[in-house]
Amino acid sequence: MMNSSTVTQSITTFQDESPDGLLVENCSIQSLGSAQLTSASGSALHLAGDTSEYRDCQIGDDTVIQTVAGKVIDISTINGAVARRSVFRNCIVRTWASPAQTTHVFVKVNANGDIDREVLFKYCTFENFNNSTGATLAVGVQSNLTDSGFLDLDTCAFMGVSKVATSAVGNTNVRMVGIVSGANTSSIALTPTT
């Protein structure tokens, strides 16, 4: 799927508010139009699906530079639907942020209540093309959860990023397994720290 629209209302390539078990496999979901690249509300995927599963997908792209502090995957409520027990398995999440946009992120959970239970990324790779014309992202994920659910990262790799998540940007209810996160190295289910 590719969205190259220039219409301002077209800020998301794929919107998932499925009520029960959508399966997306071997797909590419890309935002390439000015509507997505110049709006902080834009994203390749807007997730509010109930038990959705994404397998072996590429989400986002690194062919057109992002010029705003947006996100590749936007997890937020759509028409009362929230992300619930959704899984990303063996996916690649890609972006290319302009040097002025170090606060662009791969995944953003906008508010508490946008996840019910958990959203799990398992064996996923997050790649930011941070060459001489791109920026190293300050953080990979941003979470504004407090108690409604968890954003879980199980054996994922982050490239072109300084930190996975920080409390300054939002790391509440982000849990990681199989990743060393700087200050926390003594156990395996960790909250990212600075």
Protein backbone atom coordinates (compact mmCIF):
# COMPACT_ATOMS: atom_id res chain seq x y z
CA MET A 1 0.00 0.00 0.00
CA MET A 2 1.29 3.39 -0.87
CA ASN A 3 -0.17 6.82 -0.24
CA SER A 4 1.32 9.64 -2.28
CA SER A 5 -1.62 12.02 -1.90
CA THR A 6 -1.10 15.73 -1.52
CA VAL A 7 -4.57 16.28 -0.01
CA THR A 8 -4.35 17.46 3.60
CA GLN A 9 -7.11 15.09 4.75
CA SER A 10 -5.06 12.14 3.52
CA ILE A 11 -2.51 11.92 6.32
CA THR A 12 -2.54 8.16 6.95
CA THR A 13 -1.77 5.39 4.48
CA PHE A 14 -3.55 2.57 6.33
CA GLN A 15 -6.06 2.94 9.17
CA ASP A 16 -6.72 -0.19 11.22
CA GLU A 17 -9.78 -0.08 13.48
CA SER A 18 -10.72 -3.71 12.87
CA PRO A 19 -13.00 -5.17 15.56
CA ASP A 20 -11.65 -8.71 15.54
CA GLY A 21 -8.39 -10.18 14.29
CA LEU A 22 -7.21 -8.49 11.10
CA LEU A 23 -4.18 -10.28 9.58
CA VAL A 24 -1.79 -8.28 7.38
CA GLU A 25 1.06 -10.38 5.94
CA ASN A 26 3.93 -9.63 3.54
CA CYS A 27 2.73 -6.08 2.88
CA SER A 28 4.47 -2.77 2.45
CA ILE A 29 2.71 0.25 3.94
CA GLN A 30 4.34 3.51 2.84
CA SER A 31 3.62 7.23 3.12
CA LEU A 32 5.20 9.15 0.28
CA GLY A 33 2.94 12.16 -0.30
CA SER A 34 3.32 15.69 0.99
CA ALA A 35 0.18 15.31 3.11
CA GLN A 36 1.89 12.70 5.29
CA LEU A 37 5.41 14.09 5.17
CA THR A 38 4.50 17.64 6.20
CA SER A 39 1.88 16.95 8.88
CA ALA A 40 2.88 15.96 12.41
CA SER A 41 -0.42 14.04 12.50
CA GLY A 42 0.63 11.93 9.52
CA SER A 43 1.64 8.27 9.69
CA ALA A 44 2.05 5.18 7.55
CA LEU A 45 -0.17 3.16 9.91
CA HIS A 46 -2.82 4.37 12.35
CA LEU A 47 -3.49 1.47 14.71
CA ALA A 48 -6.62 0.93 16.81
CA GLY A 49 -7.28 -2.71 15.88
CA ASP A 50 -8.51 -5.45 18.21
CA THR A 51 -6.14 -8.47 17.99
CA SER A 52 -4.66 -7.32 14.67
CA GLU A 53 -1.50 -9.09 13.55
CA TYR A 54 1.15 -7.77 11.15
CA ARG A 55 3.61 -10.42 9.91
CA ASP A 56 6.71 -9.86 7.76
CA CYS A 57 5.63 -6.35 6.75
CA GLN A 58 7.54 -3.19 5.92
CA ILE A 59 5.93 -0.16 7.50
CA GLY A 60 7.17 3.29 6.59
CA ASP A 61 9.91 4.10 4.12
CA ASP A 62 13.34 5.65 3.81
CA THR A 63 13.04 7.01 0.28
CA VAL A 64 11.52 10.43 1.05
CA ILE A 65 12.76 12.53 3.96
CA GLN A 66 10.34 13.34 6.79
CA THR A 67 10.25 17.09 7.40
CA VAL A 68 8.11 17.16 10.59
CA ALA A 69 8.32 15.55 14.01
CA GLY A 70 5.78 12.86 13.25
CA LYS A 71 5.64 9.09 13.63
CA VAL A 72 5.59 6.01 11.41
CA ILE A 73 3.04 4.08 13.51
CA ASP A 74 0.40 6.12 15.30
CA ILE A 75 -1.36 4.20 18.08
CA SER A 76 -4.43 6.19 19.04
CA THR A 77 -8.18 5.80 19.42
CA ILE A 78 -10.29 5.80 16.23
CA ASN A 79 -14.08 6.18 16.58
CA GLY A 80 -13.94 4.62 20.06
CA ALA A 81 -11.76 1.69 18.92
CA VAL A 82 -8.42 1.15 20.68
CA ALA A 83 -5.44 -1.10 19.99
CA ARG A 84 -5.96 -4.33 21.91
CA ARG A 85 -3.64 -7.37 21.94
CA SER A 86 -2.18 -6.46 18.54
CA VAL A 87 1.10 -8.03 17.38
CA PHE A 88 3.85 -7.02 14.95
CA ARG A 89 6.01 -10.05 14.10
CA ASN A 90 9.22 -9.91 12.02
CA CYS A 91 8.38 -6.46 10.67
CA ILE A 92 10.70 -3.68 9.50
CA VAL A 93 9.72 -0.14 10.45
CA ARG A 94 11.59 2.45 8.36
CA THR A 95 11.95 6.21 8.29
CA TRP A 96 14.32 8.98 7.19
CA ALA A 97 14.14 12.09 9.36
CA SER A 98 15.49 15.45 8.29
CA PRO A 99 18.31 16.93 10.43
CA ALA A 100 15.86 19.34 12.07
CA GLN A 101 13.51 16.53 13.17
CA THR A 102 15.35 14.47 15.76
CA THR A 103 12.07 14.12 17.68
CA HIS A 104 10.43 12.12 14.88
CA VAL A 105 9.65 8.58 16.22
CA PHE A 106 8.91 5.11 14.90
CA VAL A 107 5.96 4.46 17.24
CA LYS A 108 3.87 6.91 19.26
CA VAL A 109 1.14 5.99 21.75
CA ASN A 110 -0.74 9.27 22.01
CA ALA A 111 -2.67 8.91 25.28
CA ASN A 112 -3.55 6.60 28.12
CA GLY A 113 -6.42 4.39 26.93
CA ASP A 114 -5.10 4.08 23.36
CA ILE A 115 -3.85 0.57 24.21
CA ASP A 116 -5.94 -1.98 26.10
CA ARG A 117 -3.78 -4.88 27.38
CA GLU A 118 -0.76 -4.67 25.05
CA VAL A 119 0.69 -4.06 21.62
CA LEU A 120 3.63 -6.38 21.03
CA PHE A 121 6.55 -5.91 18.61
CA LYS A 122 8.37 -9.26 18.34
CA TYR A 123 11.60 -9.69 16.34
CA CYS A 124 11.11 -6.33 14.63
CA THR A 125 13.75 -4.01 13.19
CA PHE A 126 13.42 -0.23 13.44
CA GLU A 127 15.66 1.55 10.90
CA ASN A 128 16.22 5.28 10.54
CA PHE A 129 18.36 6.28 7.55
CA ASN A 130 20.66 8.69 9.38
CA ASN A 131 23.20 9.50 6.69
CA SER A 132 24.72 12.95 6.18
CA THR A 133 21.34 14.36 5.11
CA GLY A 134 19.35 12.69 7.87
CA ALA A 135 19.14 12.94 11.66
CA THR A 136 19.77 10.38 14.37
CA LEU A 137 16.47 10.11 16.21
CA ALA A 138 16.52 11.09 19.89
CA VAL A 139 14.22 8.17 20.78
CA GLY A 140 12.60 5.32 18.89
CA VAL A 141 9.25 5.10 20.71
CA GLN A 142 7.10 7.50 22.68
CA SER A 143 4.41 6.37 25.13
CA ASN A 144 1.85 8.48 26.94
CA LEU A 145 0.27 5.48 28.68
CA THR A 146 -0.23 5.43 32.43
CA ASP A 147 -2.20 2.31 33.31
CA SER A 148 -4.42 1.10 30.43
CA GLY A 149 -1.91 -1.21 28.75
CA PHE A 150 1.66 -1.82 27.63
CA LEU A 151 3.84 -1.29 24.58
CA ASP A 152 6.05 -4.41 24.56
CA LEU A 153 9.32 -4.78 22.60
CA ASP A 154 10.54 -8.38 22.45
CA THR A 155 13.98 -8.89 20.87
CA CYS A 156 13.85 -5.84 18.59
CA ALA A 157 16.70 -3.88 16.97
CA PHE A 158 16.88 -0.07 16.75
CA MET A 159 19.20 1.63 14.24
CA GLY A 160 19.81 5.33 13.69
CA VAL A 161 18.45 6.10 17.16
CA SER A 162 20.15 7.43 20.31
CA LYS A 163 17.81 5.73 22.80
CA VAL A 164 14.84 3.39 22.61
CA ALA A 165 12.70 5.57 24.94
CA THR A 166 13.20 8.06 27.75
CA SER A 167 11.11 9.41 30.60
CA ALA A 168 11.61 12.94 29.25
CA VAL A 169 9.80 12.06 26.00
CA GLY A 170 7.53 9.34 27.40
CA ASN A 171 8.42 5.76 28.30
CA THR A 172 5.64 4.86 30.72
CA ASN A 173 4.47 1.25 30.31
CA VAL A 174 7.08 0.48 27.65
CA ARG A 175 8.59 -2.94 28.41
CA MET A 176 11.56 -4.53 26.70
CA VAL A 177 12.88 -8.07 26.61
CA GLY A 178 16.16 -9.11 25.04
CA ILE A 179 17.49 -5.55 24.64
CA VAL A 180 20.15 -3.87 26.76
CA SER A 181 18.95 -0.39 27.67
CA GLY A 182 21.90 1.51 29.07
CA ALA A 183 21.21 2.07 32.75
CA ASN A 184 19.13 -1.07 33.24
CA THR A 185 21.21 -4.18 32.56
CA SER A 186 20.40 -6.45 35.49
CA SER A 187 17.11 -8.04 34.42
CA ILE A 188 15.31 -8.93 31.21
CA ALA A 189 11.94 -7.14 31.40
CA LEU A 190 12.97 -3.51 31.59
CA THR A 191 11.60 0.00 31.26
CA PRO A 192 13.88 2.07 29.01
CA THR A 193 15.83 4.74 30.88
CA THR A 194 18.15 7.59 29.99
